[in-house]
N, C-alpha and C. Protein backbone atom coordinates (compact mmCIF):
# COMPACT_ATOMS: atom_id res chain seq x y z
N MET A 1 106.45 345.48 177.78
CA MET A 1 107.85 344.92 177.16
C MET A 1 108.45 345.05 176.23
N ASN A 2 109.57 344.85 175.87
CA ASN A 2 110.65 345.28 175.21
C ASN A 2 110.85 344.21 174.00
N VAL A 3 110.60 344.89 172.63
CA VAL A 3 110.60 343.69 171.63
C VAL A 3 111.89 344.76 170.63
N ASP A 4 113.08 343.61 170.31
CA ASP A 4 113.73 344.34 169.46
C ASP A 4 113.32 344.16 168.20
N LYS A 5 113.83 345.24 167.10
CA LYS A 5 113.20 344.98 165.42
C LYS A 5 113.13 344.03 164.89
N ARG A 6 114.29 342.91 164.91
CA ARG A 6 114.42 342.33 164.08
C ARG A 6 113.53 340.96 164.56
N GLY A 7 113.38 340.55 165.94
CA GLY A 7 112.24 339.69 166.31
C GLY A 7 111.03 340.52 166.33
N GLY A 8 111.09 341.42 166.42
CA GLY A 8 109.36 341.74 166.28
C GLY A 8 109.22 341.52 164.46
N LEU A 9 110.14 342.04 163.56
CA LEU A 9 110.17 342.14 161.80
C LEU A 9 110.05 340.16 161.87
N ALA A 10 110.81 339.55 162.13
CA ALA A 10 111.03 338.25 162.28
C ALA A 10 109.36 337.57 162.31
N SER A 11 108.66 338.01 163.65
CA SER A 11 107.11 337.89 164.06
C SER A 11 106.11 338.10 162.92
N VAL A 12 106.31 338.91 162.53
CA VAL A 12 105.35 339.95 161.49
C VAL A 12 105.44 339.02 159.97
N LEU A 13 106.69 338.60 159.99
CA LEU A 13 107.31 338.01 158.72
C LEU A 13 106.30 336.42 158.69
N MET A 14 106.65 336.06 159.77
CA MET A 14 106.38 334.60 160.08
C MET A 14 104.74 334.05 160.13
N VAL A 15 103.98 335.21 160.46
CA VAL A 15 102.19 335.66 160.37
C VAL A 15 102.58 335.83 158.88
N LEU A 16 102.86 336.43 158.17
CA LEU A 16 102.45 336.98 156.76
C LEU A 16 102.87 335.42 155.89
N LEU A 17 104.10 335.02 156.32
CA LEU A 17 104.27 333.99 155.65
C LEU A 17 103.19 332.73 155.82
N PHE A 18 102.79 332.55 156.96
CA PHE A 18 101.67 331.59 156.89
C PHE A 18 100.45 331.84 156.72
N ALA A 19 100.29 333.03 156.51
CA ALA A 19 98.94 333.54 155.76
C ALA A 19 98.88 333.69 154.35
N LEU A 20 99.92 333.42 153.93
CA LEU A 20 100.16 334.02 152.36
C LEU A 20 100.49 332.31 152.01
N ALA A 21 100.54 331.32 152.64
CA ALA A 21 101.11 329.92 152.56
C ALA A 21 99.48 329.58 152.41
N GLY A 22 98.52 329.63 153.11
CA GLY A 22 97.59 329.22 153.16
C GLY A 22 96.33 329.73 152.39
N CYS A 23 96.54 330.70 151.95
CA CYS A 23 95.79 331.00 150.77
C CYS A 23 96.52 331.34 149.10
N GLY A 24 97.42 331.24 148.77
CA GLY A 24 97.85 330.86 147.53
C GLY A 24 97.88 330.06 147.23
N THR A 25 98.42 330.07 146.07
CA THR A 25 98.69 329.15 145.06
C THR A 25 99.93 329.14 144.62
N VAL A 26 100.69 328.06 144.13
CA VAL A 26 102.00 327.78 143.54
C VAL A 26 101.86 327.50 142.27
N PRO A 27 102.59 328.64 141.56
CA PRO A 27 102.45 328.42 139.49
C PRO A 27 103.37 327.15 139.74
N PRO A 28 102.93 326.16 138.57
CA PRO A 28 103.45 324.65 138.44
C PRO A 28 105.21 324.53 138.55
N GLN A 29 105.87 325.62 137.67
CA GLN A 29 107.40 325.71 137.62
C GLN A 29 107.78 325.57 138.90
N TYR A 30 107.12 325.92 140.13
CA TYR A 30 107.95 325.67 141.14
C TYR A 30 106.90 324.62 142.66
N ALA A 31 106.04 324.20 142.02
CA ALA A 31 105.35 323.25 143.10
C ALA A 31 106.16 321.93 142.96
N PRO A 32 106.22 321.73 143.95
CA PRO A 32 107.14 320.26 144.54
C PRO A 32 106.57 319.23 143.73
N SER A 33 107.51 318.33 142.98
CA SER A 33 106.98 316.93 142.34
C SER A 33 106.56 316.05 143.29
N ALA A 34 105.92 315.00 142.68
CA ALA A 34 105.65 313.88 143.73
C ALA A 34 107.47 313.12 143.69
N ASN A 35 108.61 313.92 142.80
CA ASN A 35 109.64 312.73 142.58
C ASN A 35 110.19 314.22 143.49
N ALA A 36 110.19 315.08 144.36
CA ALA A 36 111.29 315.99 145.04
C ALA A 36 112.42 314.98 145.87
N GLY A 37 111.54 313.83 146.66
CA GLY A 37 112.41 313.43 147.52
C GLY A 37 113.47 312.41 146.58
N ASP A 38 113.64 312.06 145.23
CA ASP A 38 114.43 311.62 144.29
C ASP A 38 115.65 312.50 144.58
N VAL A 39 115.85 313.69 144.79
CA VAL A 39 117.23 314.48 145.35
C VAL A 39 117.77 314.14 146.43
N PRO A 40 118.52 313.67 146.82
CA PRO A 40 118.82 313.21 148.35
C PRO A 40 119.15 314.86 149.06
N SER A 41 119.17 314.97 150.01
CA SER A 41 119.28 316.23 150.77
C SER A 41 120.08 315.74 152.17
N ARG A 42 120.94 316.72 152.56
CA ARG A 42 121.34 316.44 154.07
C ARG A 42 120.71 316.48 155.06
N LEU A 43 119.63 317.72 154.90
CA LEU A 43 118.92 317.97 156.30
C LEU A 43 117.92 317.25 156.12
N SER A 44 117.62 317.21 157.50
CA SER A 44 115.92 316.63 157.71
C SER A 44 115.04 317.33 157.04
N GLN A 45 113.58 317.45 157.24
CA GLN A 45 112.80 318.03 156.95
C GLN A 45 112.70 318.95 158.32
N ALA A 46 112.54 318.78 159.38
CA ALA A 46 112.54 319.50 160.45
C ALA A 46 113.75 320.66 160.66
N GLN A 47 115.41 320.34 159.59
CA GLN A 47 116.21 321.11 159.61
C GLN A 47 116.03 322.17 158.17
N SER A 48 115.16 321.68 157.58
CA SER A 48 114.86 322.40 156.43
C SER A 48 113.85 323.58 156.67
N ASN A 49 113.35 323.11 157.15
CA ASN A 49 112.29 324.32 158.16
C ASN A 49 112.88 325.27 158.80
N GLU A 50 113.29 324.78 159.77
CA GLU A 50 114.21 325.70 160.94
C GLU A 50 115.63 327.00 159.94
N VAL A 51 115.71 326.52 158.65
CA VAL A 51 116.63 326.73 157.70
C VAL A 51 115.53 327.88 156.99
N THR A 52 114.62 327.98 156.79
CA THR A 52 113.44 328.73 156.04
C THR A 52 112.95 329.79 157.04
N VAL A 53 112.88 329.10 158.11
CA VAL A 53 112.28 330.29 158.87
C VAL A 53 113.37 330.98 159.66
N TYR A 54 114.62 330.64 159.31
CA TYR A 54 115.83 331.29 159.97
C TYR A 54 116.05 332.75 159.47
N ALA A 55 115.87 332.03 157.98
CA ALA A 55 116.20 333.28 156.70
C ALA A 55 115.41 334.10 156.53
N ILE A 56 114.07 333.65 156.70
CA ILE A 56 112.93 334.98 156.85
C ILE A 56 113.06 335.63 157.86
N GLY A 57 113.30 335.27 158.98
CA GLY A 57 113.78 336.27 160.07
C GLY A 57 114.85 337.00 159.92
N LEU A 58 115.57 336.72 159.18
CA LEU A 58 116.73 337.97 159.07
C LEU A 58 116.78 339.03 157.93
N VAL A 59 115.40 338.56 157.23
CA VAL A 59 115.38 340.16 156.31
C VAL A 59 115.28 341.46 157.14
N GLY A 60 115.95 342.02 156.29
CA GLY A 60 116.01 343.49 157.03
C GLY A 60 118.13 343.81 157.62
N THR A 61 118.31 342.85 157.56
CA THR A 61 119.75 342.39 158.22
C THR A 61 120.24 343.14 156.80
N PRO A 62 121.46 343.90 157.54
CA PRO A 62 122.01 345.03 156.25
C PRO A 62 122.87 344.41 155.49
N TYR A 63 123.43 344.57 154.42
CA TYR A 63 124.04 343.76 153.60
C TYR A 63 125.52 344.55 153.76
N ARG A 64 126.82 343.70 153.72
CA ARG A 64 127.98 344.13 154.03
C ARG A 64 129.01 342.90 153.22
N TYR A 65 129.24 343.79 152.00
CA TYR A 65 130.48 342.48 151.42
C TYR A 65 131.72 341.48 152.42
N GLY A 66 131.03 340.08 152.17
CA GLY A 66 132.22 339.54 152.90
C GLY A 66 131.61 339.55 154.39
N GLY A 67 130.40 339.95 154.80
CA GLY A 67 129.90 340.00 156.07
C GLY A 67 129.25 338.44 155.90
N ASN A 68 129.48 337.84 157.25
CA ASN A 68 128.60 336.89 157.47
C ASN A 68 128.27 336.38 159.00
N THR A 69 127.51 337.43 159.49
CA THR A 69 127.07 337.57 160.78
C THR A 69 125.70 337.94 160.66
N PRO A 70 124.88 337.85 161.42
CA PRO A 70 123.92 339.23 161.78
C PRO A 70 124.64 340.47 162.20
N GLU A 71 124.92 340.50 162.99
CA GLU A 71 125.69 341.29 163.54
C GLU A 71 126.70 342.09 162.44
N SER A 72 127.26 341.71 161.75
CA SER A 72 128.07 342.77 160.78
C SER A 72 127.82 342.74 159.32
N GLY A 73 126.50 341.82 159.18
CA GLY A 73 125.79 341.87 157.96
C GLY A 73 125.98 341.00 156.92
N PHE A 74 125.12 340.57 156.31
CA PHE A 74 125.75 339.35 155.09
C PHE A 74 125.61 340.33 153.92
N ASP A 75 126.81 339.47 152.86
CA ASP A 75 126.75 338.92 151.57
C ASP A 75 126.05 337.87 151.16
N CYS A 76 125.46 337.29 149.95
CA CYS A 76 124.59 336.36 149.57
C CYS A 76 125.37 335.05 149.83
N SER A 77 126.56 334.78 149.70
CA SER A 77 127.56 333.64 150.38
C SER A 77 127.57 333.18 151.97
N GLY A 78 127.78 334.27 152.46
CA GLY A 78 127.87 334.39 153.73
C GLY A 78 126.54 334.59 154.54
N LEU A 79 125.13 335.14 153.92
CA LEU A 79 123.92 334.49 154.55
C LEU A 79 123.84 333.29 154.21
N ILE A 80 123.61 332.65 153.04
CA ILE A 80 123.86 330.84 153.16
C ILE A 80 124.52 330.44 153.98
N GLY A 81 125.72 330.59 154.48
CA GLY A 81 126.64 329.71 154.99
C GLY A 81 126.07 329.93 156.89
N HIS A 82 125.75 331.18 157.13
CA HIS A 82 125.36 331.50 158.48
C HIS A 82 123.79 330.64 158.69
N VAL A 83 123.56 330.73 157.66
CA VAL A 83 121.93 329.96 158.13
C VAL A 83 121.97 328.31 158.04
N PHE A 84 122.53 327.98 156.84
CA PHE A 84 122.68 326.60 157.16
C PHE A 84 124.01 326.00 157.74
N ARG A 85 124.93 326.67 158.57
CA ARG A 85 125.70 326.40 159.68
C ARG A 85 124.73 326.63 160.86
N SER A 86 124.07 327.05 161.22
CA SER A 86 123.57 327.47 162.49
C SER A 86 121.98 326.52 162.65
N ARG A 87 121.29 326.94 161.60
CA ARG A 87 120.02 325.84 161.45
C ARG A 87 120.20 324.81 160.80
N GLY A 88 120.96 324.40 160.26
CA GLY A 88 120.99 322.99 159.69
C GLY A 88 122.30 322.15 159.82
N GLY A 89 123.20 322.82 160.58
CA GLY A 89 124.38 322.08 160.68
C GLY A 89 125.41 321.31 159.84
N VAL A 90 125.04 322.22 158.66
CA VAL A 90 125.81 322.07 157.61
C VAL A 90 126.91 323.37 157.18
N ALA A 91 128.11 323.08 156.89
CA ALA A 91 128.86 323.91 156.38
C ALA A 91 128.79 324.06 154.60
N SER A 92 128.55 325.03 154.44
CA SER A 92 128.54 325.57 153.19
C SER A 92 129.93 325.95 152.40
N PRO A 93 130.25 325.93 151.02
CA PRO A 93 131.28 326.54 150.52
C PRO A 93 131.11 327.92 151.09
N ARG A 94 131.89 329.12 151.07
CA ARG A 94 131.85 330.47 151.21
C ARG A 94 131.85 331.55 149.69
N THR A 95 131.81 330.70 148.69
CA THR A 95 131.39 331.65 147.49
C THR A 95 130.49 331.32 146.58
N VAL A 96 130.26 332.10 146.36
CA VAL A 96 128.87 332.08 144.95
C VAL A 96 129.23 330.93 144.07
N ALA A 97 130.35 330.74 143.71
CA ALA A 97 131.06 329.99 142.59
C ALA A 97 131.11 328.37 143.44
N LYS A 98 131.97 328.72 144.19
CA LYS A 98 131.53 326.96 145.00
C LYS A 98 130.38 326.49 145.47
N LEU A 99 129.36 327.49 145.59
CA LEU A 99 128.43 327.25 145.72
C LEU A 99 127.49 326.03 144.60
N GLN A 100 128.11 326.59 143.37
CA GLN A 100 127.60 326.33 141.88
C GLN A 100 127.40 324.68 141.84
N THR A 101 128.56 323.93 142.76
CA THR A 101 128.55 322.38 142.72
C THR A 101 128.37 321.92 143.85
N TRP A 102 127.80 322.77 145.09
CA TRP A 102 127.15 322.05 146.56
C TRP A 102 126.28 321.41 146.60
N GLY A 103 126.02 320.24 146.69
CA GLY A 103 125.20 319.29 147.07
C GLY A 103 124.86 318.86 145.86
N GLN A 104 123.27 318.37 145.53
CA GLN A 104 122.81 317.79 144.40
C GLN A 104 121.70 319.44 143.46
N SER A 105 121.88 319.12 141.82
CA SER A 105 121.17 319.52 141.08
C SER A 105 119.72 319.32 141.35
N VAL A 106 118.92 320.42 141.42
CA VAL A 106 117.24 320.28 141.31
C VAL A 106 116.78 320.88 140.23
N PRO A 107 115.52 319.99 139.66
CA PRO A 107 115.25 320.78 138.59
C PRO A 107 113.76 321.27 139.33
N ARG A 108 113.67 322.20 138.49
CA ARG A 108 112.84 323.25 138.52
C ARG A 108 111.58 323.22 139.08
N ASP A 109 110.99 321.78 139.07
CA ASP A 109 109.75 321.50 139.12
C ASP A 109 109.94 320.51 140.58
N SER A 110 110.93 320.33 141.23
CA SER A 110 111.09 319.74 142.40
C SER A 110 111.83 320.08 143.71
N VAL A 111 111.87 321.92 142.99
CA VAL A 111 112.61 322.72 144.50
C VAL A 111 111.38 322.63 145.64
N ARG A 112 111.81 322.78 146.46
CA ARG A 112 111.49 322.47 147.81
C ARG A 112 112.15 323.78 148.75
N THR A 113 111.54 324.26 149.80
CA THR A 113 112.29 324.99 150.84
C THR A 113 113.46 324.53 151.44
N ALA A 114 114.36 325.64 151.71
CA ALA A 114 115.56 325.12 151.89
C ALA A 114 116.71 324.79 150.72
N ASP A 115 116.45 324.56 149.27
CA ASP A 115 117.07 324.74 148.28
C ASP A 115 117.95 325.70 148.22
N LEU A 116 118.74 325.92 147.38
CA LEU A 116 119.48 326.86 147.05
C LEU A 116 118.99 327.49 146.16
N VAL A 117 118.95 329.04 145.54
CA VAL A 117 118.92 329.34 144.42
C VAL A 117 120.04 329.82 143.81
N LEU A 118 120.59 329.42 142.69
CA LEU A 118 121.54 330.25 142.18
C LEU A 118 121.39 330.89 140.98
N PHE A 119 121.78 332.41 140.86
CA PHE A 119 121.45 333.13 139.18
C PHE A 119 122.89 332.64 138.74
N ILE A 120 122.40 332.28 137.15
CA ILE A 120 123.92 332.10 136.46
C ILE A 120 123.90 333.11 135.60
N GLN A 121 125.36 333.65 135.55
CA GLN A 121 125.83 334.47 134.02
C GLN A 121 126.74 334.06 133.27
N SER A 122 126.75 333.53 132.11
CA SER A 122 127.87 333.27 130.84
C SER A 122 128.39 331.18 131.82
N GLY A 123 127.16 331.05 132.48
CA GLY A 123 127.68 329.22 132.93
C GLY A 123 128.35 329.78 134.55
N THR A 124 128.46 330.78 135.23
CA THR A 124 129.11 331.16 136.39
C THR A 124 127.78 331.43 137.49
N ALA A 125 127.62 330.84 138.28
CA ALA A 125 126.75 331.38 139.49
C ALA A 125 127.69 332.64 139.67
N VAL A 126 126.25 333.64 140.02
CA VAL A 126 126.88 335.25 140.26
C VAL A 126 126.38 335.73 141.17
N HIS A 127 125.12 335.08 142.19
CA HIS A 127 124.13 335.32 142.80
C HIS A 127 123.90 334.32 143.91
N ALA A 128 123.40 334.25 144.96
CA ALA A 128 122.74 332.85 145.60
C ALA A 128 121.71 333.59 146.69
N GLY A 129 120.53 332.61 146.50
CA GLY A 129 119.77 332.56 147.69
C GLY A 129 118.99 331.63 148.06
N ILE A 130 118.32 331.93 149.38
CA ILE A 130 117.22 330.42 149.79
C ILE A 130 116.11 330.44 149.61
N TYR A 131 115.33 329.28 148.85
CA TYR A 131 114.20 328.97 148.28
C TYR A 131 113.36 328.76 149.73
N VAL A 132 112.81 329.68 149.58
CA VAL A 132 111.81 329.40 151.25
C VAL A 132 110.31 329.07 150.40
N GLY A 133 110.03 329.02 149.63
CA GLY A 133 108.71 328.73 149.01
C GLY A 133 107.76 329.30 148.51
N ASP A 134 106.45 329.20 147.60
CA ASP A 134 105.80 329.61 146.60
C ASP A 134 106.17 330.69 145.97
N GLY A 135 107.44 330.20 145.46
CA GLY A 135 108.07 330.90 144.39
C GLY A 135 109.12 331.92 145.11
N ARG A 136 109.30 332.10 146.29
CA ARG A 136 110.29 333.35 146.79
C ARG A 136 111.44 332.71 147.56
N PHE A 137 112.28 333.52 147.51
CA PHE A 137 113.60 333.31 147.94
C PHE A 137 114.31 334.42 149.11
N VAL A 138 115.54 334.30 149.91
CA VAL A 138 115.77 335.17 150.77
C VAL A 138 117.21 335.13 150.33
N HIS A 139 117.54 336.56 150.56
CA HIS A 139 118.67 336.94 149.71
C HIS A 139 119.52 338.33 150.26
N ALA A 140 120.59 338.25 150.03
CA ALA A 140 121.48 339.24 150.33
C ALA A 140 121.84 340.18 149.19
N PRO A 141 121.08 341.36 148.69
CA PRO A 141 121.36 341.64 147.22
C PRO A 141 122.63 342.06 146.65
N SER A 142 123.04 343.66 147.37
CA SER A 142 123.67 344.59 147.26
C SER A 142 124.21 345.09 147.85
N THR A 143 125.64 346.46 147.87
CA THR A 143 126.09 346.92 148.55
C THR A 143 124.78 348.05 148.94
N GLY A 144 124.86 348.29 150.01
CA GLY A 144 123.48 349.45 150.38
C GLY A 144 122.54 348.95 150.79
N GLY A 145 122.43 347.38 150.72
CA GLY A 145 120.92 347.00 150.71
C GLY A 145 121.07 346.30 151.83
N GLU A 146 119.87 345.57 151.52
CA GLU A 146 119.67 344.69 153.10
C GLU A 146 118.82 343.13 152.42
N VAL A 147 119.17 342.03 153.52
CA VAL A 147 118.53 340.90 153.14
C VAL A 147 117.01 340.78 152.71
N ARG A 148 116.60 340.59 151.85
CA ARG A 148 115.41 340.93 151.38
C ARG A 148 114.81 338.91 150.90
N LEU A 149 113.44 339.76 150.73
CA LEU A 149 112.40 338.34 150.35
C LEU A 149 112.07 339.13 149.07
N ASP A 150 112.53 338.26 147.94
CA ASP A 150 111.81 338.27 146.82
C ASP A 150 111.38 337.23 145.80
N ASP A 151 110.67 337.29 145.14
CA ASP A 151 109.66 336.63 144.02
C ASP A 151 110.52 336.10 142.80
N LEU A 152 110.86 335.12 142.75
CA LEU A 152 111.39 334.89 141.52
C LEU A 152 110.61 334.78 139.93
N ARG A 153 109.36 334.74 140.38
CA ARG A 153 108.39 335.60 138.86
C ARG A 153 108.20 337.14 138.77
N SER A 154 108.94 337.76 139.92
CA SER A 154 108.80 339.43 139.49
C SER A 154 109.73 339.21 138.13
N LYS A 155 109.61 340.40 137.27
CA LYS A 155 110.13 340.65 136.12
C LYS A 155 111.31 340.81 136.42
N TYR A 156 112.11 341.25 137.08
CA TYR A 156 113.77 340.86 137.11
C TYR A 156 113.91 339.76 137.33
N TRP A 157 113.71 339.09 137.95
CA TRP A 157 114.26 337.85 138.45
C TRP A 157 114.02 336.82 137.28
N SER A 158 112.81 336.94 137.00
CA SER A 158 112.43 335.51 136.21
C SER A 158 113.06 336.08 135.00
N SER A 159 113.62 336.65 135.00
CA SER A 159 114.62 337.27 133.46
C SER A 159 116.07 336.41 133.41
N GLN A 160 116.32 336.10 134.66
CA GLN A 160 117.82 335.52 135.29
C GLN A 160 117.80 333.93 134.53
N GLN A 161 118.91 333.67 134.60
CA GLN A 161 118.94 332.00 134.00
C GLN A 161 119.45 331.60 135.84
N VAL A 162 118.50 330.79 136.25
CA VAL A 162 118.45 330.56 137.68
C VAL A 162 118.69 328.43 137.69
N ALA A 163 120.01 328.32 138.35
CA ALA A 163 119.77 327.09 138.81
C ALA A 163 119.21 326.85 140.53
N PHE A 164 118.76 325.20 140.45
CA PHE A 164 118.65 325.15 142.13
C PHE A 164 119.55 324.03 142.77
N ARG A 165 119.74 324.04 143.66
CA ARG A 165 120.95 322.64 144.02
C ARG A 165 120.11 322.56 145.78
N ARG A 166 120.67 321.77 146.08
CA ARG A 166 119.99 320.93 147.25
C ARG A 166 121.23 320.44 148.11
N PRO A 167 121.35 321.03 149.27
CA PRO A 167 122.64 320.78 150.24
C PRO A 167 122.35 319.08 150.77
């Protein structure tokens, strides 16, 4: 049976994600609160799940400035646009700066899967990703890189100013 690399990687990542979710603990700053539903969403729970699973499945896709398809590669806003359009049925803004005002602001203690993670410098969003649970997010980080799954609690990302938005 012939399994392409991306499909095989997606399967491995899914198994890993569910295994980690079953035995991991969520730090309080990223645990959804009882009021998480207070922030409206355009996505149903099923669509949020689809967005999350699909985003994780794109890990390993090459970075390309201006890219917005798995075939051409992604930049961060292109990744978000592709995932939300294809799995959530929602069109997102094409630039990180415009993502900063898209949807509703979400308090850190109410973040949930399929929310946007925005990295802010001098009051402006400069990078973005998709929150996938347990303090982790998927993003297309930089030229020469590829779509990655990173942890907001890592030394680098925890030192950045972060905002969350719910489409």
